[in-house]
Amino acid sequence: MSGERAKVWVDGALLDPDEASVSVFDHGVLVGDGVFETVKVVDGEPFALTRHLRRLARSAAGLGLPAPDEAALAEGVRATLETAPDMPLARIRITYTSGVGPLGSERGTEGTTATIIVAEQKPFAETADVVVVPWKRNEHGALAGLKTTSYAENALSLAYAKERGGGEAVFANLAGNLCEGTGTNVFVVLDGELVTPTLEAGCLAGITRELVLEWCGGVEGDVPISELYRAEEAFLTSTTRNVQPIRKVDDTVLRAAPGPVTRKAMEAFAARSAEQTDP
């Protein structure tokens, strides 16, 4: 990689960051009508790009958007990274919206907008303190399980958590079960068993969640939110956090962070992800 600042990819064109723009009439801006993916980049190599692009396509289908050109986006990721400065850890943001539209919810007819941006990623802390927020995820809603650009609820919830000393906000769903964080999935160890909420609970089908289940084991099940406080261990997963032990839930300090199950998952994920950059 070379150059001081990475270029920005907009609908197939590489542009200088100061020149890259989308229309103020784009529905991704006006009404949050779009989907996105964040892809980890280690030493210039994107991780699990194929899985991320497949999920982008699933989210787009869930919103009724035209299927994105996965091959073009993959090439766009590579082209953007070639313009980026050397960074040991970075993140790629791929955004795909319904494009320019009127000043209401009705979509326009001019076609979609796709952008790709790369930026440095600072490592997360060794452990996380989380705050359970008073708002609930709607596991029956139209956007349940989709990674959309409608992130205002997450922004509000994360600000709520940070005001209370947390680094991540955690949601229950309408059924009162553990759902997810603002940008993370949650795993808990209960009576020695590693459990994560089912996708039917309304959580995002996280790529790191998926790989932890494949590589490290664990089961999917409904977990009452109250169980999070009595967990023997718990951890967050996300593209940029990998496997991050939870130290505290609200004012409850968990017994171990990381405990033996979490540590095993951390080690297994680190080893397998080092072996396979596009598992």
C-alpha atoms as a PDB file:
ATOM      1  CA  MET A   1       0.000   0.000   0.000  1.00  0.00           C
ATOM      2  CA  SER A   2       1.231   3.497  -0.709  1.00  0.00           C
ATOM      3  CA  GLY A   3       0.214   7.127  -0.377  1.00  0.00           C
ATOM      4  CA  GLU A   4      -0.730   9.254   2.619  1.00  0.00           C
ATOM      5  CA  ARG A   5      -4.518   8.954   2.440  1.00  0.00           C
ATOM      6  CA  ALA A   6      -6.570   6.201   0.908  1.00  0.00           C
ATOM      7  CA  LYS A   7      -8.806   7.088  -1.984  1.00  0.00           C
ATOM      8  CA  VAL A   8     -12.562   6.614  -1.729  1.00  0.00           C
ATOM      9  CA  TRP A   9     -14.437   4.313  -4.110  1.00  0.00           C
ATOM     10  CA  VAL A  10     -17.771   5.719  -5.302  1.00  0.00           C
ATOM     11  CA  ASP A  11     -19.772   3.680  -7.811  1.00  0.00           C
ATOM     12  CA  GLY A  12     -16.636   2.296  -9.445  1.00  0.00           C
ATOM     13  CA  ALA A  13     -14.501   5.445  -9.405  1.00  0.00           C
ATOM     14  CA  LEU A  14     -11.531   6.043  -7.094  1.00  0.00           C
ATOM     15  CA  LEU A  15     -11.596   9.633  -5.848  1.00  0.00           C
ATOM     16  CA  ASP A  16      -9.511  11.749  -3.512  1.00  0.00           C
ATOM     17  CA  PRO A  17     -11.200  11.960  -0.089  1.00  0.00           C
ATOM     18  CA  ASP A  18     -11.788  15.702  -0.445  1.00  0.00           C
ATOM     19  CA  GLU A  19     -13.529  15.158  -3.780  1.00  0.00           C
ATOM     20  CA  ALA A  20     -15.604  12.078  -2.916  1.00  0.00           C
ATOM     21  CA  SER A  21     -19.270  12.821  -2.301  1.00  0.00           C
ATOM     22  CA  VAL A  22     -22.794  11.526  -2.674  1.00  0.00           C
ATOM     23  CA  SER A  23     -25.920  13.547  -3.331  1.00  0.00           C
ATOM     24  CA  VAL A  24     -27.739  15.212  -0.429  1.00  0.00           C
ATOM     25  CA  PHE A  25     -30.839  13.636  -1.996  1.00  0.00           C
ATOM     26  CA  ASP A  26     -29.454  10.124  -1.552  1.00  0.00           C
ATOM     27  CA  HIS A  27     -31.903   8.084   0.506  1.00  0.00           C
ATOM     28  CA  GLY A  28     -29.058   6.697   2.560  1.00  0.00           C
ATOM     29  CA  VAL A  29     -28.712  10.250   3.889  1.00  0.00           C
ATOM     30  CA  LEU A  30     -32.360  11.280   3.873  1.00  0.00           C
ATOM     31  CA  VAL A  31     -34.064   8.247   5.415  1.00  0.00           C
ATOM     32  CA  GLY A  32     -31.363   5.681   6.204  1.00  0.00           C
ATOM     33  CA  ASP A  33     -32.455   3.490   3.303  1.00  0.00           C
ATOM     34  CA  GLY A  34     -29.327   1.428   2.834  1.00  0.00           C
ATOM     35  CA  VAL A  35     -27.145  -1.367   4.108  1.00  0.00           C
ATOM     36  CA  PHE A  36     -23.476  -1.628   4.983  1.00  0.00           C
ATOM     37  CA  GLU A  37     -20.616  -3.872   6.023  1.00  0.00           C
ATOM     38  CA  THR A  38     -17.478  -3.241   8.057  1.00  0.00           C
ATOM     39  CA  VAL A  39     -14.535  -5.452   7.113  1.00  0.00           C
ATOM     40  CA  LYS A  40     -11.387  -5.819   9.197  1.00  0.00           C
ATOM     41  CA  VAL A  41      -8.074  -5.314   7.407  1.00  0.00           C
ATOM     42  CA  VAL A  42      -4.889  -6.801   8.867  1.00  0.00           C
ATOM     43  CA  ASP A  43      -1.602  -5.758   7.246  1.00  0.00           C
ATOM     44  CA  GLY A  44      -3.456  -4.762   4.093  1.00  0.00           C
ATOM     45  CA  GLU A  45      -5.496  -7.960   3.785  1.00  0.00           C
ATOM     46  CA  PRO A  46      -9.291  -7.896   4.262  1.00  0.00           C
ATOM     47  CA  PHE A  47     -10.668 -10.613   6.529  1.00  0.00           C
ATOM     48  CA  ALA A  48     -13.675 -12.763   5.598  1.00  0.00           C
ATOM     49  CA  LEU A  49     -14.545 -10.464   2.699  1.00  0.00           C
ATOM     50  CA  THR A  50     -16.628 -13.085   0.899  1.00  0.00           C
ATOM     51  CA  ARG A  51     -18.855 -13.665   3.934  1.00  0.00           C
ATOM     52  CA  HIS A  52     -19.279  -9.936   4.440  1.00  0.00           C
ATOM     53  CA  LEU A  53     -20.312  -9.372   0.829  1.00  0.00           C
ATOM     54  CA  ARG A  54     -22.779 -12.233   1.015  1.00  0.00           C
ATOM     55  CA  ARG A  55     -24.324 -10.709   4.122  1.00  0.00           C
ATOM     56  CA  LEU A  56     -24.489  -7.315   2.392  1.00  0.00           C
ATOM     57  CA  ALA A  57     -26.475  -8.989  -0.371  1.00  0.00           C
ATOM     58  CA  ARG A  58     -28.802 -10.635   2.183  1.00  0.00           C
ATOM     59  CA  SER A  59     -29.394  -7.300   3.911  1.00  0.00           C
ATOM     60  CA  ALA A  60     -30.061  -5.612   0.565  1.00  0.00           C
ATOM     61  CA  ALA A  61     -32.568  -8.310  -0.337  1.00  0.00           C
ATOM     62  CA  GLY A  62     -34.230  -7.858   3.045  1.00  0.00           C
ATOM     63  CA  LEU A  63     -34.734  -4.165   2.238  1.00  0.00           C
ATOM     64  CA  GLY A  64     -35.954  -4.959  -1.267  1.00  0.00           C
ATOM     65  CA  LEU A  65     -32.929  -3.326  -2.900  1.00  0.00           C
ATOM     66  CA  PRO A  66     -31.403  -4.621  -6.154  1.00  0.00           C
ATOM     67  CA  ALA A  67     -28.671  -7.198  -5.612  1.00  0.00           C
ATOM     68  CA  PRO A  68     -25.283  -5.497  -5.271  1.00  0.00           C
ATOM     69  CA  ASP A  69     -22.501  -6.502  -7.656  1.00  0.00           C
ATOM     70  CA  GLU A  70     -20.382  -8.504  -5.218  1.00  0.00           C
ATOM     71  CA  ALA A  71     -17.513  -8.976  -7.669  1.00  0.00           C
ATOM     72  CA  ALA A  72     -17.325  -5.246  -8.390  1.00  0.00           C
ATOM     73  CA  LEU A  73     -17.368  -4.449  -4.680  1.00  0.00           C
ATOM     74  CA  ALA A  74     -14.617  -6.990  -3.994  1.00  0.00           C
ATOM     75  CA  GLU A  75     -12.508  -5.376  -6.697  1.00  0.00           C
ATOM     76  CA  GLY A  76     -13.335  -1.977  -5.230  1.00  0.00           C
ATOM     77  CA  VAL A  77     -12.077  -3.104  -1.832  1.00  0.00           C
ATOM     78  CA  ARG A  78      -8.805  -4.276  -3.347  1.00  0.00           C
ATOM     79  CA  ALA A  79      -8.391  -1.100  -5.389  1.00  0.00           C
ATOM     80  CA  THR A  80      -9.076   1.119  -2.379  1.00  0.00           C
ATOM     81  CA  LEU A  81      -6.617  -0.780  -0.190  1.00  0.00           C
ATOM     82  CA  GLU A  82      -3.905  -0.367  -2.813  1.00  0.00           C
ATOM     83  CA  THR A  83      -4.124   3.404  -2.330  1.00  0.00           C
ATOM     84  CA  ALA A  84      -4.015   3.259   1.483  1.00  0.00           C
ATOM     85  CA  PRO A  85      -0.985   3.948   3.692  1.00  0.00           C
ATOM     86  CA  ASP A  86       0.552   1.098   5.648  1.00  0.00           C
ATOM     87  CA  MET A  87      -1.602   0.338   8.681  1.00  0.00           C
ATOM     88  CA  PRO A  88      -1.293  -2.787  10.835  1.00  0.00           C
ATOM     89  CA  LEU A  89      -5.027  -2.679  11.537  1.00  0.00           C
ATOM     90  CA  ALA A  90      -7.706  -0.940   9.480  1.00  0.00           C
ATOM     91  CA  ARG A  91     -11.373  -1.165   8.645  1.00  0.00           C
ATOM     92  CA  ILE A  92     -13.201  -1.036   5.348  1.00  0.00           C
ATOM     93  CA  ARG A  93     -16.702   0.429   5.260  1.00  0.00           C
ATOM     94  CA  ILE A  94     -18.877  -0.684   2.328  1.00  0.00           C
ATOM     95  CA  THR A  95     -22.155   1.236   2.051  1.00  0.00           C
ATOM     96  CA  TYR A  96     -24.941   0.467  -0.419  1.00  0.00           C
ATOM     97  CA  THR A  97     -28.071   2.625  -0.592  1.00  0.00           C
ATOM     98  CA  SER A  98     -31.213   2.901  -2.683  1.00  0.00           C
ATOM     99  CA  GLY A  99     -29.757   6.039  -4.257  1.00  0.00           C
ATOM    100  CA  VAL A 100     -31.218   9.445  -5.027  1.00  0.00           C
ATOM    101  CA  GLY A 101     -34.890   9.829  -4.179  1.00  0.00           C
ATOM    102  CA  PRO A 102     -37.610  12.316  -3.250  1.00  0.00           C
ATOM    103  CA  LEU A 103     -37.926  14.014   0.155  1.00  0.00           C
ATOM    104  CA  GLY A 104     -40.085  11.251   1.569  1.00  0.00           C
ATOM    105  CA  SER A 105     -39.958   7.512   2.022  1.00  0.00           C
ATOM    106  CA  GLU A 106     -40.771   6.625  -1.573  1.00  0.00           C
ATOM    107  CA  ARG A 107     -37.665   5.472  -3.432  1.00  0.00           C
ATOM    108  CA  GLY A 108     -36.313   7.107  -6.541  1.00  0.00           C
ATOM    109  CA  THR A 109     -35.610   5.551  -9.907  1.00  0.00           C
ATOM    110  CA  GLU A 110     -32.029   6.707 -10.587  1.00  0.00           C
ATOM    111  CA  GLY A 111     -30.316   3.599  -9.241  1.00  0.00           C
ATOM    112  CA  THR A 112     -28.314   2.633  -6.204  1.00  0.00           C
ATOM    113  CA  THR A 113     -25.212   4.221  -4.653  1.00  0.00           C
ATOM    114  CA  ALA A 114     -22.190   2.246  -3.445  1.00  0.00           C
ATOM    115  CA  THR A 115     -19.167   3.596  -1.571  1.00  0.00           C
ATOM    116  CA  ILE A 116     -16.047   2.065  -0.050  1.00  0.00           C
ATOM    117  CA  ILE A 117     -13.887   3.824   2.554  1.00  0.00           C
ATOM    118  CA  VAL A 118     -10.816   2.609   4.445  1.00  0.00           C
ATOM    119  CA  ALA A 119      -9.547   4.038   7.728  1.00  0.00           C
ATOM    120  CA  GLU A 120      -7.192   3.026  10.513  1.00  0.00           C
ATOM    121  CA  GLN A 121      -8.706   0.954  13.324  1.00  0.00           C
ATOM    122  CA  LYS A 122      -7.447   1.352  16.880  1.00  0.00           C
ATOM    123  CA  PRO A 123      -7.398  -1.888  18.905  1.00  0.00           C
ATOM    124  CA  PHE A 124     -10.148  -2.264  21.495  1.00  0.00           C
ATOM    125  CA  ALA A 125      -9.458  -2.620  25.212  1.00  0.00           C
ATOM    126  CA  GLU A 126      -8.649  -6.078  26.550  1.00  0.00           C
ATOM    127  CA  THR A 127     -12.025  -6.280  28.306  1.00  0.00           C
ATOM    128  CA  ALA A 128     -15.385  -4.542  27.952  1.00  0.00           C
ATOM    129  CA  ASP A 129     -17.819  -3.074  30.437  1.00  0.00           C
ATOM    130  CA  VAL A 130     -21.363  -3.174  29.063  1.00  0.00           C
ATOM    131  CA  VAL A 131     -24.586  -1.423  29.993  1.00  0.00           C
ATOM    132  CA  VAL A 132     -28.031  -2.910  29.419  1.00  0.00           C
ATOM    133  CA  VAL A 133     -30.145  -0.143  27.912  1.00  0.00           C
ATOM    134  CA  PRO A 134     -33.853   0.410  28.633  1.00  0.00           C
ATOM    135  CA  TRP A 135     -34.878   0.167  24.974  1.00  0.00           C
ATOM    136  CA  LYS A 136     -35.760  -3.181  23.408  1.00  0.00           C
ATOM    137  CA  ARG A 137     -34.923  -4.702  20.055  1.00  0.00           C
ATOM    138  CA  ASN A 138     -38.027  -5.658  18.086  1.00  0.00           C
ATOM    139  CA  GLU A 139     -37.335  -9.199  16.930  1.00  0.00           C
ATOM    140  CA  HIS A 140     -40.476  -9.035  14.783  1.00  0.00           C
ATOM    141  CA  GLY A 141     -39.641  -5.747  13.028  1.00  0.00           C
ATOM    142  CA  ALA A 142     -39.001  -5.301   9.324  1.00  0.00           C
ATOM    143  CA  LEU A 143     -35.312  -4.542   9.933  1.00  0.00           C
ATOM    144  CA  ALA A 144     -34.624  -7.355  12.417  1.00  0.00           C
ATOM    145  CA  GLY A 145     -31.403  -9.123  11.505  1.00  0.00           C
ATOM    146  CA  LEU A 146     -30.496  -6.683   8.717  1.00  0.00           C
ATOM    147  CA  LYS A 147     -27.354  -4.534   8.815  1.00  0.00           C
ATOM    148  CA  THR A 148     -28.892  -1.264   7.714  1.00  0.00           C
ATOM    149  CA  THR A 149     -27.696   2.322   7.824  1.00  0.00           C
ATOM    150  CA  SER A 150     -30.612   3.171  10.148  1.00  0.00           C
ATOM    151  CA  TYR A 151     -28.299   3.372  13.165  1.00  0.00           C
ATOM    152  CA  ALA A 152     -29.770   6.219  15.227  1.00  0.00           C
ATOM    153  CA  GLU A 153     -31.025   3.799  17.899  1.00  0.00           C
ATOM    154  CA  ASN A 154     -27.521   2.373  18.202  1.00  0.00           C
ATOM    155  CA  ALA A 155     -25.940   5.828  18.419  1.00  0.00           C
ATOM    156  CA  LEU A 156     -28.366   6.866  21.164  1.00  0.00           C
ATOM    157  CA  SER A 157     -27.854   3.611  23.075  1.00  0.00           C
ATOM    158  CA  LEU A 158     -24.064   3.717  22.868  1.00  0.00           C
ATOM    159  CA  ALA A 159     -24.083   7.306  24.151  1.00  0.00           C
ATOM    160  CA  TYR A 160     -26.318   6.123  27.033  1.00  0.00           C
ATOM    161  CA  ALA A 161     -23.838   3.362  27.860  1.00  0.00           C
ATOM    162  CA  LYS A 162     -20.806   5.643  27.700  1.00  0.00           C
ATOM    163  CA  GLU A 163     -22.470   8.150  30.031  1.00  0.00           C
ATOM    164  CA  ARG A 164     -22.632   5.284  32.546  1.00  0.00           C
ATOM    165  CA  GLY A 165     -19.051   4.121  32.111  1.00  0.00           C
ATOM    166  CA  GLY A 166     -19.688   1.379  29.550  1.00  0.00           C
ATOM    167  CA  GLY A 167     -17.956   0.680  26.289  1.00  0.00           C
ATOM    168  CA  GLU A 168     -20.904  -1.077  24.656  1.00  0.00           C
ATOM    169  CA  ALA A 169     -24.686  -1.074  25.029  1.00  0.00           C
ATOM    170  CA  VAL A 170     -26.598  -4.355  25.180  1.00  0.00           C
ATOM    171  CA  PHE A 171     -30.249  -4.868  24.237  1.00  0.00           C
ATOM    172  CA  ALA A 172     -32.902  -7.274  25.368  1.00  0.00           C
ATOM    173  CA  ASN A 173     -35.673  -8.059  22.877  1.00  0.00           C
ATOM    174  CA  LEU A 174     -39.425  -7.705  23.330  1.00  0.00           C
ATOM    175  CA  ALA A 175     -39.602 -11.231  24.768  1.00  0.00           C
ATOM    176  CA  GLY A 176     -37.180 -10.203  27.523  1.00  0.00           C
ATOM    177  CA  ASN A 177     -34.299 -12.260  26.158  1.00  0.00           C
ATOM    178  CA  LEU A 178     -30.734 -11.197  25.465  1.00  0.00           C
ATOM    179  CA  CYS A 179     -30.396  -9.934  21.893  1.00  0.00           C
ATOM    180  CA  GLU A 180     -27.180  -8.095  20.919  1.00  0.00           C
ATOM    181  CA  GLY A 181     -25.039  -4.999  21.335  1.00  0.00           C
ATOM    182  CA  THR A 182     -25.005  -1.916  19.130  1.00  0.00           C
ATOM    183  CA  GLY A 183     -22.305  -3.449  16.943  1.00  0.00           C
ATOM    184  CA  THR A 184     -21.658  -6.785  18.599  1.00  0.00           C
ATOM    185  CA  ASN A 185     -23.022 -10.218  19.326  1.00  0.00           C
ATOM    186  CA  VAL A 186     -22.976 -11.558  22.878  1.00  0.00           C
ATOM    187  CA  PHE A 187     -21.922 -14.980  24.161  1.00  0.00           C
ATOM    188  CA  VAL A 188     -22.429 -16.151  27.747  1.00  0.00           C
ATOM    189  CA  VAL A 189     -21.211 -19.148  29.721  1.00  0.00           C
ATOM    190  CA  LEU A 190     -23.997 -20.566  31.878  1.00  0.00           C
ATOM    191  CA  ASP A 191     -23.459 -23.701  33.931  1.00  0.00           C
ATOM    192  CA  GLY A 192     -20.340 -24.389  31.868  1.00  0.00           C
ATOM    193  CA  GLU A 193     -22.098 -24.123  28.492  1.00  0.00           C
ATOM    194  CA  LEU A 194     -21.298 -21.493  25.864  1.00  0.00           C
ATOM    195  CA  VAL A 195     -24.536 -19.944  24.553  1.00  0.00           C
ATOM    196  CA  THR A 196     -25.406 -17.113  22.178  1.00  0.00           C
ATOM    197  CA  PRO A 197     -28.878 -15.808  21.269  1.00  0.00           C
ATOM    198  CA  THR A 198     -30.610 -17.359  18.285  1.00  0.00           C
ATOM    199  CA  LEU A 199     -31.035 -15.290  15.123  1.00  0.00           C
ATOM    200  CA  GLU A 200     -34.777 -15.428  15.805  1.00  0.00           C
ATOM    201  CA  ALA A 201     -34.081 -13.306  18.889  1.00  0.00           C
ATOM    202  CA  GLY A 202     -33.537 -10.421  16.467  1.00  0.00           C
ATOM    203  CA  CYS A 203     -29.755 -10.146  16.541  1.00  0.00           C
ATOM    204  CA  LEU A 204     -27.559  -9.611  13.527  1.00  0.00           C
ATOM    205  CA  ALA A 205     -25.991 -12.724  12.017  1.00  0.00           C
ATOM    206  CA  GLY A 206     -22.492 -11.548  12.890  1.00  0.00           C
ATOM    207  CA  ILE A 207     -19.611 -12.889  10.838  1.00  0.00           C
ATOM    208  CA  THR A 208     -17.405 -13.280  13.917  1.00  0.00           C
ATOM    209  CA  ARG A 209     -20.345 -14.872  15.763  1.00  0.00           C
ATOM    210  CA  GLU A 210     -20.686 -17.346  12.901  1.00  0.00           C
ATOM    211  CA  LEU A 211     -16.992 -18.196  12.917  1.00  0.00           C
ATOM    212  CA  VAL A 212     -16.847 -18.599  16.698  1.00  0.00           C
ATOM    213  CA  LEU A 213     -19.699 -21.113  16.509  1.00  0.00           C
ATOM    214  CA  GLU A 214     -17.920 -22.972  13.696  1.00  0.00           C
ATOM    215  CA  TRP A 215     -14.422 -22.895  15.176  1.00  0.00           C
ATOM    216  CA  CYS A 216     -15.011 -22.868  18.917  1.00  0.00           C
ATOM    217  CA  GLY A 217     -18.349 -24.580  19.454  1.00  0.00           C
ATOM    218  CA  GLY A 218     -21.249 -23.312  21.519  1.00  0.00           C
ATOM    219  CA  VAL A 219     -25.003 -23.436  21.079  1.00  0.00           C
ATOM    220  CA  GLU A 220     -27.739 -21.002  20.091  1.00  0.00           C
ATOM    221  CA  GLY A 221     -30.592 -20.521  22.515  1.00  0.00           C
ATOM    222  CA  ASP A 222     -32.908 -18.045  24.197  1.00  0.00           C
ATOM    223  CA  VAL A 223     -31.184 -16.395  27.150  1.00  0.00           C
ATOM    224  CA  PRO A 224     -33.302 -14.301  29.541  1.00  0.00           C
ATOM    225  CA  ILE A 225     -31.595 -10.931  29.981  1.00  0.00           C
ATOM    226  CA  SER A 226     -31.351 -11.603  33.723  1.00  0.00           C
ATOM    227  CA  GLU A 227     -28.987 -14.493  32.974  1.00  0.00           C
ATOM    228  CA  LEU A 228     -26.389 -12.050  31.655  1.00  0.00           C
ATOM    229  CA  TYR A 229     -25.788 -10.845  35.217  1.00  0.00           C
ATOM    230  CA  ARG A 230     -25.179 -14.336  36.597  1.00  0.00           C
ATOM    231  CA  ALA A 231     -23.013 -15.559  33.723  1.00  0.00           C
ATOM    232  CA  GLU A 232     -19.795 -17.278  34.726  1.00  0.00           C
ATOM    233  CA  GLU A 233     -18.172 -15.646  31.717  1.00  0.00           C
ATOM    234  CA  ALA A 234     -19.344 -13.556  28.802  1.00  0.00           C
ATOM    235  CA  PHE A 235     -17.804 -12.010  25.724  1.00  0.00           C
ATOM    236  CA  LEU A 236     -18.575  -9.786  22.774  1.00  0.00           C
ATOM    237  CA  THR A 237     -17.798 -10.634  19.165  1.00  0.00           C
ATOM    238  CA  SER A 238     -17.512  -8.310  16.202  1.00  0.00           C
ATOM    239  CA  THR A 239     -15.386  -7.764  13.136  1.00  0.00           C
ATOM    240  CA  THR A 240     -13.176  -5.194  14.846  1.00  0.00           C
ATOM    241  CA  ARG A 241     -13.259  -6.588  18.404  1.00  0.00           C
ATOM    242  CA  ASN A 242     -12.761 -10.270  17.507  1.00  0.00           C
ATOM    243  CA  VAL A 243     -13.501 -11.985  20.853  1.00  0.00           C
ATOM    244  CA  GLN A 244     -13.556  -9.458  23.712  1.00  0.00           C
ATOM    245  CA  PRO A 245     -14.216 -10.609  27.287  1.00  0.00           C
ATOM    246  CA  ILE A 246     -16.920  -8.769  29.248  1.00  0.00           C
ATOM    247  CA  ARG A 247     -15.674  -7.626  32.639  1.00  0.00           C
ATOM    248  CA  LYS A 248     -18.798  -5.971  33.986  1.00  0.00           C
ATOM    249  CA  VAL A 249     -22.530  -5.770  33.214  1.00  0.00           C
ATOM    250  CA  ASP A 250     -23.971  -2.545  34.638  1.00  0.00           C
ATOM    251  CA  ASP A 251     -22.651  -2.697  38.229  1.00  0.00           C
ATOM    252  CA  THR A 252     -22.178  -6.486  38.291  1.00  0.00           C
ATOM    253  CA  VAL A 253     -18.578  -7.659  37.904  1.00  0.00           C
ATOM    254  CA  LEU A 254     -18.420 -11.099  36.319  1.00  0.00           C
ATOM    255  CA  ARG A 255     -16.390 -13.857  37.924  1.00  0.00           C
ATOM    256  CA  ALA A 256     -13.745 -14.046  35.213  1.00  0.00           C
ATOM    257  CA  ALA A 257     -12.668 -11.896  32.264  1.00  0.00           C
ATOM    258  CA  PRO A 258     -11.478 -13.847  30.479  1.00  0.00           C
ATOM    259  CA  GLY A 259     -12.493 -17.152  31.959  1.00  0.00           C
ATOM    260  CA  PRO A 260     -11.303 -20.503  30.584  1.00  0.00           C
ATOM    261  CA  VAL A 261     -14.047 -20.844  27.964  1.00  0.00           C
ATOM    262  CA  THR A 262     -13.541 -17.291  26.731  1.00  0.00           C
ATOM    263  CA  ARG A 263      -9.776 -17.687  26.653  1.00  0.00           C
ATOM    264  CA  LYS A 264     -10.105 -20.863  24.602  1.00  0.00           C
ATOM    265  CA  ALA A 265     -12.377 -19.068  22.145  1.00  0.00           C
ATOM    266  CA  MET A 266      -9.955 -16.140  21.908  1.00  0.00           C
ATOM    267  CA  GLU A 267      -7.011 -18.411  21.208  1.00  0.00           C
ATOM    268  CA  ALA A 268      -8.886 -20.555  18.689  1.00  0.00           C
ATOM    269  CA  PHE A 269     -10.243 -17.558  16.819  1.00  0.00           C
ATOM    270  CA  ALA A 270      -6.824 -15.887  16.687  1.00  0.00           C
ATOM    271  CA  ALA A 271      -5.158 -19.036  15.382  1.00  0.00           C
ATOM    272  CA  ARG A 272      -7.773 -19.890  12.757  1.00  0.00           C
ATOM    273  CA  SER A 273      -8.158 -16.321  11.483  1.00  0.00           C
ATOM    274  CA  ALA A 274      -4.382 -16.076  11.079  1.00  0.00           C
ATOM    275  CA  GLU A 275      -4.448 -19.217   8.922  1.00  0.00           C
ATOM    276  CA  GLN A 276      -7.401 -18.177   6.735  1.00  0.00           C
ATOM    277  CA  THR A 277      -7.973 -14.611   5.608  1.00  0.00           C
ATOM    278  CA  ASP A 278     -11.177 -15.446   3.727  1.00  0.00           C
ATOM    279  CA  PRO A 279     -12.691 -18.404   5.594  1.00  0.00           C
END
